[in-house]
Amino acid sequence: MLTSLYQIAKNTFRESLREPIYLLLLLTALCLIGIFPVFTMFVFREQVKLVVDSAMATTMVIGWLMAVLCASHAISREIDNGTALLLLSKPVKRPVFIVAKIMGILAALSAFWLLCALAAVISIRVAKDQFRLDNTAMGLYFGVLALALIIAGVHNYVTRSSFPMAAVLALLVLFPLLTVGIYYLPVAGQRVGLPMETAPALVLILYSVWAMGSLATALSTRFALVSNLLLCTVIFLAGLMSDYLFGRQAREAWADTVPRGGGPVWMSTYTFVPTEVLDVGRWSIPDRVDDGRVFTVWSTAAAPTPPPMVGSKPAEVWRDGGDWFRNLRDLTTAPLHMARYNPEALTWQVLRLVDEPRLAQEKGAKHSFTEYVFRRSVHRPRVPAGGTYSLPYPIPGSRVASLCHACFPNWQLFWMADALAAKRPIPASYVALGAAYAILVVSFFMLLAIALFWQREVGSQAVA
């Protein structure tokens, strides 16, 4: 089985590289990425952002188009012309066949991404200076493109082999050498190097190309090229707008106190008055309370003693003790109180986190009160909405929207151009989580492809 898996995947990879459309799209992407530095002369202090955004968008969009075309050529065409029937008549099971096809297509897309990623790194280096392009590096870039085509032409003339495949293989050899050479190429007598901080963002783009490639392969088991292209376009656009279409209504349950578990803690507040018997509007913008910007301590006591005075540098002199603890991990139950310190006024603000409505009504009449709600989330939650005076909790959201938000691949998770523009480093943990998400998406589409292909008739068109 492993031999069949390897051979089919290898042949699919080679057939994808032999397609003229593969080379055409690859050259289009590389030429576009190569000329983006020219347009940076029309912007001010945004040259790197322009090249990064354009290069990543080019890789993602053309990679998506290439995924659809490769999948249609590797699956739909082989089903129609009887090649798939010939393979399945041998001891090759359908799941092995379809998984090998997906692996071969993903390998071809990885080769495309590698060349585009190297091209993006070189283009960013070319446009690094606001007032001067690195013309030497740009000349070498397009010179390597021309050299690869010349080598492929000579190889095709001598051996009569595939020109597109020879050109792609030549690029796969020459571009890494070019990247290493430009890394050591000095500018004005100084070695500049390459912008390696973009590498995590480019790796995330690879994950998105993999996800689209597996989706296109799954759909190609039942749909022809045009239908597959339309369906993938709809899913691609819906994934780009997933946060807007479904994320706004997705379920985000807020708790009366800090929920147990891991992840950053966010807090939102709203002051309720007795006249609010219908759902209220927006709460305060969620604020992270465990990031250390404001010195905060927690207590599980029903009536804690006041926190001790800690001077102007509370983080240096604070010692856990009594009813108060600095880290939520040290609490045995959910906290009932939160105290925040003002180092300028040298005062504590103690907030009760639970039973706010009951305490307000126990004063003898209905009084206004401030409700504090909490949520753990890696990303900043949406601004909560809803809740009444008697039930002061935000509306958690729609389960249907949450299901749709989870099912549609969210391509925005792979888009880190904004983080690069803000000069924020992309954590390795986020890249690892992106890899796990991509593996789950690819695995799901593999299972979908197997299910769609299980009862698919192959070779009927060729027989007819």
Protein backbone atom coordinates (compact mmCIF):
# COMPACT_ATOMS: atom_id res chain seq x y z
CA MET A 1 0.00 0.00 0.00
CA LEU A 2 2.80 2.43 0.89
CA THR A 3 4.49 1.72 -2.44
CA SER A 4 1.28 2.49 -4.33
CA LEU A 5 0.76 5.63 -2.24
CA TYR A 6 4.28 6.86 -2.98
CA GLN A 7 4.19 6.06 -6.70
CA ILE A 8 0.80 7.69 -7.30
CA ALA A 9 1.79 10.77 -5.28
CA LYS A 10 5.10 11.05 -7.16
CA ASN A 11 3.41 10.72 -10.55
CA THR A 12 0.78 13.29 -9.56
CA PHE A 13 3.51 15.70 -8.51
CA ARG A 14 5.36 15.23 -11.78
CA GLU A 15 2.21 15.54 -13.88
CA SER A 16 1.29 18.77 -12.10
CA LEU A 17 4.71 20.24 -12.86
CA ARG A 18 4.41 19.18 -16.50
CA GLU A 19 1.23 21.18 -17.02
CA PRO A 20 1.89 24.36 -19.02
CA ILE A 21 -0.66 26.22 -16.88
CA TYR A 22 1.45 25.45 -13.79
CA LEU A 23 4.51 27.13 -15.28
CA LEU A 24 2.41 30.01 -16.63
CA LEU A 25 0.87 30.76 -13.23
CA LEU A 26 4.23 30.34 -11.50
CA LEU A 27 5.97 32.77 -13.85
CA THR A 28 3.08 35.21 -13.48
CA ALA A 29 3.40 35.13 -9.70
CA LEU A 30 7.20 35.45 -9.75
CA CYS A 31 7.15 38.33 -12.24
CA LEU A 32 4.50 40.19 -10.25
CA ILE A 33 6.39 39.75 -7.00
CA GLY A 34 9.61 40.81 -8.72
CA ILE A 35 8.21 44.12 -10.02
CA PHE A 36 6.36 45.14 -6.84
CA PRO A 37 9.43 47.04 -5.55
CA VAL A 38 9.11 49.41 -8.51
CA PHE A 39 5.77 50.68 -7.18
CA THR A 40 7.29 51.50 -3.80
CA MET A 41 8.73 54.68 -5.26
CA PHE A 42 5.20 56.14 -5.14
CA VAL A 43 4.66 55.63 -1.40
CA PHE A 44 6.37 57.17 1.62
CA ARG A 45 7.71 54.96 4.42
CA GLU A 46 5.31 52.19 3.41
CA GLN A 47 7.47 50.46 0.83
CA VAL A 48 7.99 47.28 2.84
CA LYS A 49 4.29 47.01 3.69
CA LEU A 50 3.36 47.39 0.03
CA VAL A 51 5.70 44.60 -1.07
CA VAL A 52 4.74 42.30 1.82
CA ASP A 53 0.99 42.73 1.31
CA SER A 54 1.22 42.37 -2.46
CA ALA A 55 3.54 39.36 -2.40
CA MET A 56 1.48 37.49 0.18
CA ALA A 57 -1.78 38.26 -1.63
CA THR A 58 -0.28 37.13 -4.94
CA THR A 59 0.93 33.87 -3.41
CA MET A 60 -2.43 33.17 -1.79
CA VAL A 61 -4.68 34.04 -4.75
CA ILE A 62 -2.59 32.44 -7.50
CA GLY A 63 -1.91 29.48 -5.22
CA TRP A 64 -5.67 29.06 -4.80
CA LEU A 65 -6.18 29.19 -8.58
CA MET A 66 -3.33 26.74 -9.15
CA ALA A 67 -4.82 24.37 -6.56
CA VAL A 68 -8.12 24.24 -8.45
CA LEU A 69 -6.45 23.70 -11.83
CA CYS A 70 -4.03 21.04 -10.56
CA ALA A 71 -6.81 19.17 -8.79
CA SER A 72 -9.06 19.23 -11.83
CA HIS A 73 -6.29 17.99 -14.11
CA ALA A 74 -5.20 15.29 -11.65
CA ILE A 75 -8.66 13.98 -10.72
CA SER A 76 -11.46 15.07 -13.07
CA ARG A 77 -9.48 14.52 -16.24
CA GLU A 78 -8.22 11.10 -15.16
CA ILE A 79 -11.76 10.04 -14.28
CA ASP A 80 -13.05 11.19 -17.67
CA ASN A 81 -10.30 9.67 -19.83
CA GLY A 82 -10.19 6.33 -17.99
CA THR A 83 -6.76 6.64 -16.36
CA ALA A 84 -8.32 6.35 -12.93
CA LEU A 85 -10.18 3.20 -14.01
CA LEU A 86 -6.89 1.65 -15.14
CA LEU A 87 -5.28 2.32 -11.76
CA LEU A 88 -8.25 1.14 -9.74
CA SER A 89 -8.43 -2.09 -11.74
CA LYS A 90 -5.11 -2.98 -10.12
CA PRO A 91 -4.76 -3.70 -6.37
CA VAL A 92 -5.08 0.00 -5.51
CA LYS A 93 -7.85 0.92 -3.11
CA ARG A 94 -9.86 4.08 -3.61
CA PRO A 95 -8.75 5.73 -0.33
CA VAL A 96 -5.12 5.13 -1.24
CA PHE A 97 -5.69 6.57 -4.69
CA ILE A 98 -7.37 9.77 -3.50
CA VAL A 99 -4.99 10.35 -0.56
CA ALA A 100 -1.99 9.91 -2.86
CA LYS A 101 -3.50 12.38 -5.31
CA ILE A 102 -3.93 14.95 -2.55
CA MET A 103 -0.36 14.43 -1.35
CA GLY A 104 1.01 14.86 -4.87
CA ILE A 105 -0.99 18.04 -5.42
CA LEU A 106 0.10 19.44 -2.05
CA ALA A 107 3.72 18.72 -2.97
CA ALA A 108 3.30 20.66 -6.23
CA LEU A 109 1.68 23.55 -4.35
CA SER A 110 4.53 23.48 -1.82
CA ALA A 111 7.03 23.89 -4.66
CA PHE A 112 5.03 26.86 -5.93
CA TRP A 113 4.91 28.39 -2.44
CA LEU A 114 8.65 27.91 -1.88
CA LEU A 115 9.54 29.83 -5.02
CA CYS A 116 7.05 32.60 -4.22
CA ALA A 117 8.30 32.85 -0.63
CA LEU A 118 11.91 33.20 -1.76
CA ALA A 119 10.81 35.75 -4.33
CA ALA A 120 8.97 37.73 -1.64
CA VAL A 121 12.03 37.79 0.63
CA ILE A 122 14.21 39.02 -2.24
CA SER A 123 11.68 41.69 -3.27
CA ILE A 124 11.47 43.02 0.27
CA ARG A 125 15.26 43.27 0.30
CA VAL A 126 15.16 45.16 -3.02
CA ALA A 127 12.64 47.69 -1.66
CA LYS A 128 14.15 48.08 1.82
CA ASP A 129 15.54 51.56 1.11
CA GLN A 130 12.87 54.22 0.66
CA PHE A 131 14.81 56.26 -1.91
CA ARG A 132 16.88 53.63 -3.73
CA LEU A 133 16.13 50.20 -5.10
CA ASP A 134 18.72 47.45 -5.01
CA ASN A 135 19.02 47.24 -8.78
CA THR A 136 21.75 44.60 -8.59
CA ALA A 137 19.51 42.20 -6.68
CA MET A 138 16.59 42.92 -9.01
CA GLY A 139 18.75 42.31 -12.07
CA LEU A 140 19.95 39.00 -10.63
CA TYR A 141 16.34 38.06 -9.85
CA PHE A 142 15.07 38.46 -13.40
CA GLY A 143 18.33 37.09 -14.76
CA VAL A 144 17.73 33.84 -12.88
CA LEU A 145 14.20 33.66 -14.29
CA ALA A 146 15.56 34.01 -17.81
CA LEU A 147 18.38 31.53 -17.12
CA ALA A 148 15.91 28.91 -15.87
CA LEU A 149 13.86 29.23 -19.06
CA ILE A 150 17.01 28.96 -21.21
CA ILE A 151 18.13 25.83 -19.34
CA ALA A 152 14.65 24.33 -19.75
CA GLY A 153 14.66 25.15 -23.46
CA VAL A 154 18.05 23.52 -24.02
CA HIS A 155 17.03 20.50 -21.96
CA ASN A 156 13.81 20.15 -23.93
CA TYR A 157 15.67 20.42 -27.24
CA VAL A 158 18.28 17.81 -26.28
CA THR A 159 16.14 15.27 -24.42
CA ARG A 160 12.64 16.05 -25.75
CA SER A 161 11.43 16.13 -22.15
CA SER A 162 8.78 18.41 -20.64
CA PHE A 163 9.72 22.08 -20.92
CA PRO A 164 7.46 23.24 -18.00
CA MET A 165 8.81 20.61 -15.62
CA ALA A 166 12.43 21.36 -16.56
CA ALA A 167 11.83 25.08 -16.01
CA VAL A 168 10.26 24.51 -12.59
CA LEU A 169 13.06 22.19 -11.49
CA ALA A 170 15.64 24.71 -12.68
CA LEU A 171 13.92 27.42 -10.66
CA LEU A 172 13.86 25.15 -7.60
CA VAL A 173 17.65 24.85 -7.88
CA LEU A 174 18.53 28.40 -8.93
CA PHE A 175 16.25 30.40 -6.61
CA PRO A 176 17.65 29.05 -3.32
CA LEU A 177 21.17 29.72 -4.67
CA LEU A 178 20.07 33.23 -5.64
CA THR A 179 18.64 33.82 -2.16
CA VAL A 180 21.88 32.76 -0.49
CA GLY A 181 23.89 34.93 -2.87
CA ILE A 182 21.74 38.01 -2.23
CA TYR A 183 22.02 37.39 1.52
CA TYR A 184 25.78 37.97 1.23
CA LEU A 185 25.48 40.68 -1.44
CA PRO A 186 26.61 44.00 0.09
CA VAL A 187 24.81 47.31 -0.38
CA ALA A 188 27.00 50.42 -0.24
CA GLY A 189 29.76 48.30 1.23
CA GLN A 190 27.60 46.79 3.98
CA ARG A 191 25.89 43.43 4.15
CA VAL A 192 22.17 43.97 4.57
CA GLY A 193 20.96 40.38 4.76
CA LEU A 194 17.37 39.30 4.22
CA PRO A 195 14.14 40.13 6.11
CA MET A 196 13.80 36.79 7.87
CA GLU A 197 11.10 38.18 10.19
CA THR A 198 8.65 37.58 7.34
CA ALA A 199 9.30 33.82 7.36
CA PRO A 200 6.54 32.91 9.90
CA ALA A 201 3.96 34.91 7.92
CA LEU A 202 4.98 33.18 4.69
CA VAL A 203 4.74 29.77 6.37
CA LEU A 204 1.15 30.58 7.34
CA ILE A 205 0.40 31.33 3.69
CA LEU A 206 1.62 27.82 2.89
CA TYR A 207 -0.99 26.43 5.28
CA SER A 208 -3.76 28.31 3.47
CA VAL A 209 -2.57 27.00 0.09
CA TRP A 210 -2.58 23.45 1.48
CA ALA A 211 -6.12 23.86 2.77
CA MET A 212 -7.38 25.16 -0.56
CA GLY A 213 -5.54 22.41 -2.45
CA SER A 214 -7.15 19.66 -0.39
CA LEU A 215 -10.57 21.29 -0.78
CA ALA A 216 -10.18 21.59 -4.55
CA THR A 217 -9.09 17.95 -4.78
CA ALA A 218 -12.12 16.79 -2.77
CA LEU A 219 -14.52 18.72 -5.01
CA SER A 220 -12.81 17.56 -8.19
CA THR A 221 -13.94 13.98 -7.47
CA ARG A 222 -17.49 15.08 -8.33
CA PHE A 223 -17.23 18.33 -10.28
CA ALA A 224 -15.56 19.40 -13.48
CA LEU A 225 -13.14 22.33 -13.76
CA VAL A 226 -15.66 25.17 -14.11
CA SER A 227 -17.97 23.91 -11.36
CA ASN A 228 -15.00 23.27 -9.08
CA LEU A 229 -13.65 26.75 -9.73
CA LEU A 230 -17.01 28.36 -8.90
CA LEU A 231 -17.46 26.36 -5.70
CA CYS A 232 -13.91 27.05 -4.53
CA THR A 233 -14.41 30.74 -5.29
CA VAL A 234 -17.52 30.86 -3.13
CA ILE A 235 -15.79 29.03 -0.26
CA PHE A 236 -12.68 31.19 -0.63
CA LEU A 237 -14.66 34.44 -0.46
CA ALA A 238 -16.85 33.14 2.38
CA GLY A 239 -13.69 32.19 4.28
CA LEU A 240 -12.23 35.66 3.76
CA MET A 241 -15.44 37.19 5.17
CA SER A 242 -15.98 34.51 7.81
CA ASP A 243 -15.43 36.88 10.72
CA TYR A 244 -17.89 39.37 9.25
CA LEU A 245 -20.53 36.86 8.13
CA PHE A 246 -20.46 34.46 11.07
CA GLY A 247 -17.95 35.69 13.62
CA ARG A 248 -20.11 38.61 14.75
CA GLN A 249 -22.93 36.23 15.71
CA ALA A 250 -20.77 33.32 16.87
CA ARG A 251 -21.16 32.11 20.43
CA GLU A 252 -18.97 33.83 23.01
CA ALA A 253 -20.18 32.94 26.48
CA TRP A 254 -19.22 35.48 29.16
CA ALA A 255 -19.06 34.45 32.82
CA ASP A 256 -19.95 36.29 36.01
CA THR A 257 -16.44 35.66 37.32
CA VAL A 258 -13.13 34.54 35.85
CA PRO A 259 -13.60 31.04 34.34
CA ARG A 260 -11.05 28.39 35.12
CA GLY A 261 -8.67 27.15 32.45
CA GLY A 262 -5.89 28.65 30.36
CA GLY A 263 -5.64 31.60 28.03
CA PRO A 264 -5.69 35.38 28.52
CA VAL A 265 -8.48 36.86 30.69
CA TRP A 266 -10.67 39.62 29.26
CA MET A 267 -13.16 41.79 31.17
CA SER A 268 -16.08 43.90 30.00
CA THR A 269 -18.32 46.14 32.14
CA TYR A 270 -21.73 47.77 31.98
CA THR A 271 -23.62 49.88 34.51
CA PHE A 272 -27.25 48.78 34.71
CA VAL A 273 -30.09 51.01 35.89
CA PRO A 274 -33.54 49.80 37.04
CA THR A 275 -35.27 51.03 33.88
CA GLU A 276 -33.30 48.63 31.64
CA VAL A 277 -35.79 45.78 31.31
CA LEU A 278 -34.88 45.05 27.68
CA ASP A 279 -31.58 43.95 26.21
CA VAL A 280 -28.98 46.70 26.42
CA GLY A 281 -26.59 47.65 23.66
CA ARG A 282 -22.80 47.50 23.66
CA TRP A 283 -20.77 46.89 26.79
CA SER A 284 -17.30 48.34 27.29
CA ILE A 285 -14.53 47.28 24.95
CA PRO A 286 -13.02 44.07 26.39
CA ASP A 287 -9.85 44.82 28.33
CA ARG A 288 -7.23 42.23 29.20
CA VAL A 289 -6.78 42.15 32.96
CA ASP A 290 -3.87 39.72 33.33
CA ASP A 291 -1.26 41.37 31.11
CA GLY A 292 0.48 43.22 33.94
CA ARG A 293 -0.29 46.75 32.74
CA VAL A 294 -2.45 47.38 35.84
CA PHE A 295 -1.41 45.76 39.09
CA THR A 296 -4.28 43.41 39.96
CA VAL A 297 -4.84 40.92 42.79
CA TRP A 298 -7.67 38.44 43.38
CA SER A 299 -9.54 37.00 46.34
CA THR A 300 -11.90 34.08 46.87
CA ALA A 301 -13.11 35.33 50.27
CA ALA A 302 -16.72 36.48 50.65
CA ALA A 303 -15.62 39.51 52.73
CA PRO A 304 -11.86 39.94 52.26
CA THR A 305 -9.72 42.26 54.31
CA PRO A 306 -8.42 45.32 52.44
CA PRO A 307 -5.19 44.68 50.51
CA PRO A 308 -2.04 46.09 52.14
CA MET A 309 -0.42 49.28 50.91
CA VAL A 310 2.49 48.61 48.55
CA GLY A 311 3.86 52.04 47.68
CA SER A 312 4.68 53.28 44.20
CA LYS A 313 6.21 49.98 42.99
CA PRO A 314 3.65 47.31 43.87
CA ALA A 315 5.11 44.56 41.69
CA GLU A 316 8.42 44.66 43.57
CA VAL A 317 7.11 44.59 47.14
CA TRP A 318 3.92 42.53 46.83
CA ARG A 319 3.75 39.24 48.70
CA ASP A 320 0.79 36.89 48.50
CA GLY A 321 -0.93 36.41 51.84
CA GLY A 322 -4.16 36.78 53.70
CA ASP A 323 -7.10 36.90 51.29
CA TRP A 324 -5.30 38.20 48.19
CA PHE A 325 -3.25 36.50 45.47
CA ARG A 326 -1.67 37.97 42.38
CA ASN A 327 -1.90 34.95 40.05
CA LEU A 328 -5.22 33.35 39.23
CA ARG A 329 -3.46 29.98 39.08
CA ASP A 330 -2.92 30.14 42.85
CA LEU A 331 -6.66 30.29 43.59
CA THR A 332 -8.50 27.11 44.52
CA THR A 333 -11.92 28.42 43.40
CA ALA A 334 -13.23 31.19 41.17
CA PRO A 335 -12.40 34.68 42.52
CA LEU A 336 -15.17 36.71 44.15
CA HIS A 337 -13.27 40.01 44.35
CA MET A 338 -10.71 41.84 42.25
CA ALA A 339 -8.54 44.72 43.49
CA ARG A 340 -6.69 47.11 41.17
CA TYR A 341 -3.97 49.42 42.44
CA ASN A 342 -3.40 53.06 41.49
CA PRO A 343 0.33 53.80 42.06
CA GLU A 344 -0.17 57.56 41.72
CA ALA A 345 -2.94 57.91 44.30
CA LEU A 346 -1.60 54.94 46.33
CA THR A 347 -5.12 53.52 46.61
CA TRP A 348 -6.86 50.23 45.89
CA GLN A 349 -10.12 49.83 43.99
CA VAL A 350 -11.86 46.68 45.22
CA LEU A 351 -14.54 45.27 42.90
CA ARG A 352 -17.05 42.57 43.77
CA LEU A 353 -17.48 40.23 40.83
CA VAL A 354 -20.62 38.23 41.71
CA ASP A 355 -24.20 38.83 42.91
CA GLU A 356 -24.24 42.49 41.90
CA PRO A 357 -28.05 42.57 41.23
CA ARG A 358 -28.90 40.94 44.57
CA LEU A 359 -26.63 43.26 46.50
CA ALA A 360 -28.15 46.29 44.76
CA GLN A 361 -31.70 45.20 45.61
CA GLU A 362 -30.79 44.45 49.24
CA LYS A 363 -30.21 48.16 49.77
CA GLY A 364 -33.98 48.57 50.13
CA ALA A 365 -34.81 49.69 46.60
CA LYS A 366 -33.56 49.16 43.15
CA HIS A 367 -30.17 50.78 42.71
CA SER A 368 -27.89 50.92 39.71
CA PHE A 369 -24.90 48.57 39.73
CA THR A 370 -21.92 47.76 37.55
CA GLU A 371 -21.71 44.24 36.19
CA TYR A 372 -18.29 42.69 35.46
CA VAL A 373 -18.15 39.78 33.04
CA PHE A 374 -15.11 37.73 32.07
CA ARG A 375 -13.98 35.48 29.26
CA ARG A 376 -10.82 33.53 28.44
CA SER A 377 -9.73 33.85 24.82
CA VAL A 378 -6.47 33.87 22.87
CA HIS A 379 -7.82 36.65 20.64
CA ARG A 380 -9.59 39.82 21.72
CA PRO A 381 -13.31 38.98 22.06
CA ARG A 382 -16.04 40.97 20.39
CA VAL A 383 -17.73 43.74 22.35
CA PRO A 384 -20.56 41.94 24.17
CA ALA A 385 -24.18 43.07 23.91
CA GLY A 386 -27.48 42.27 25.59
CA GLY A 387 -28.56 41.70 29.17
CA THR A 388 -31.16 43.29 31.45
CA TYR A 389 -31.24 44.68 34.98
CA SER A 390 -32.57 41.40 36.39
CA LEU A 391 -30.39 39.19 34.16
CA PRO A 392 -27.22 41.23 33.58
CA TYR A 393 -25.34 38.87 31.30
CA PRO A 394 -24.55 39.41 27.60
CA ILE A 395 -26.28 37.35 24.95
CA PRO A 396 -23.87 34.45 24.28
CA GLY A 397 -24.48 34.29 20.53
CA SER A 398 -25.82 31.85 17.97
CA ARG A 399 -24.79 28.19 17.91
CA VAL A 400 -25.59 28.02 14.18
CA ALA A 401 -23.26 30.96 13.50
CA SER A 402 -20.59 29.28 15.63
CA LEU A 403 -20.97 26.07 13.62
CA CYS A 404 -20.67 27.94 10.30
CA HIS A 405 -17.72 29.93 11.64
CA ALA A 406 -15.98 26.67 12.59
CA CYS A 407 -16.78 24.84 9.34
CA PHE A 408 -15.68 27.49 6.85
CA PRO A 409 -11.88 27.74 6.62
CA ASN A 410 -10.98 31.17 7.98
CA TRP A 411 -8.27 32.45 5.66
CA GLN A 412 -7.80 35.55 7.81
CA LEU A 413 -6.09 33.37 10.41
CA PHE A 414 -3.25 32.85 7.93
CA TRP A 415 -2.92 36.55 7.01
CA MET A 416 -0.23 38.19 9.13
CA ALA A 417 0.61 41.18 6.93
CA ASP A 418 -0.88 43.59 9.47
CA ALA A 419 1.29 42.17 12.24
CA LEU A 420 4.39 42.59 10.07
CA ALA A 421 3.40 46.17 9.23
CA ALA A 422 3.06 46.95 12.96
CA LYS A 423 6.47 45.29 13.56
CA ARG A 424 4.93 42.79 15.94
CA PRO A 425 6.74 39.44 16.03
CA ILE A 426 4.70 36.37 15.11
CA PRO A 427 5.10 33.84 17.95
CA ALA A 428 6.28 30.36 17.10
CA SER A 429 3.31 29.07 19.10
CA TYR A 430 0.93 30.76 16.66
CA VAL A 431 2.69 29.15 13.70
CA ALA A 432 2.42 25.79 15.47
CA LEU A 433 -1.29 26.32 16.13
CA GLY A 434 -1.69 27.30 12.48
CA ALA A 435 -0.02 24.04 11.48
CA ALA A 436 -2.41 22.09 13.71
CA TYR A 437 -5.38 23.93 12.22
CA ALA A 438 -4.13 23.28 8.68
CA ILE A 439 -3.63 19.59 9.43
CA LEU A 440 -7.19 19.34 10.75
CA VAL A 441 -8.58 21.11 7.67
CA VAL A 442 -6.57 18.96 5.25
CA SER A 443 -7.55 15.79 7.12
CA PHE A 444 -11.22 16.77 7.00
CA PHE A 445 -11.06 17.42 3.25
CA MET A 446 -9.22 14.13 2.75
CA LEU A 447 -12.08 12.30 4.46
CA LEU A 448 -14.57 14.28 2.40
CA ALA A 449 -12.70 13.36 -0.79
CA ILE A 450 -12.72 9.68 0.17
CA ALA A 451 -16.47 9.82 0.89
CA LEU A 452 -17.25 11.59 -2.40
CA PHE A 453 -15.05 9.24 -4.42
CA TRP A 454 -16.20 6.03 -2.73
CA GLN A 455 -19.16 5.36 -5.06
CA ARG A 456 -17.98 7.49 -7.97
CA GLU A 457 -18.11 5.78 -11.36
CA VAL A 458 -14.83 6.11 -13.18
CA GLY A 459 -14.17 5.63 -16.87
CA SER A 460 -17.82 5.74 -17.95
CA GLN A 461 -17.17 8.69 -20.23
CA ALA A 462 -14.20 6.94 -21.82
CA VAL A 463 -16.25 3.78 -22.40
CA ALA A 464 -19.06 5.75 -23.95
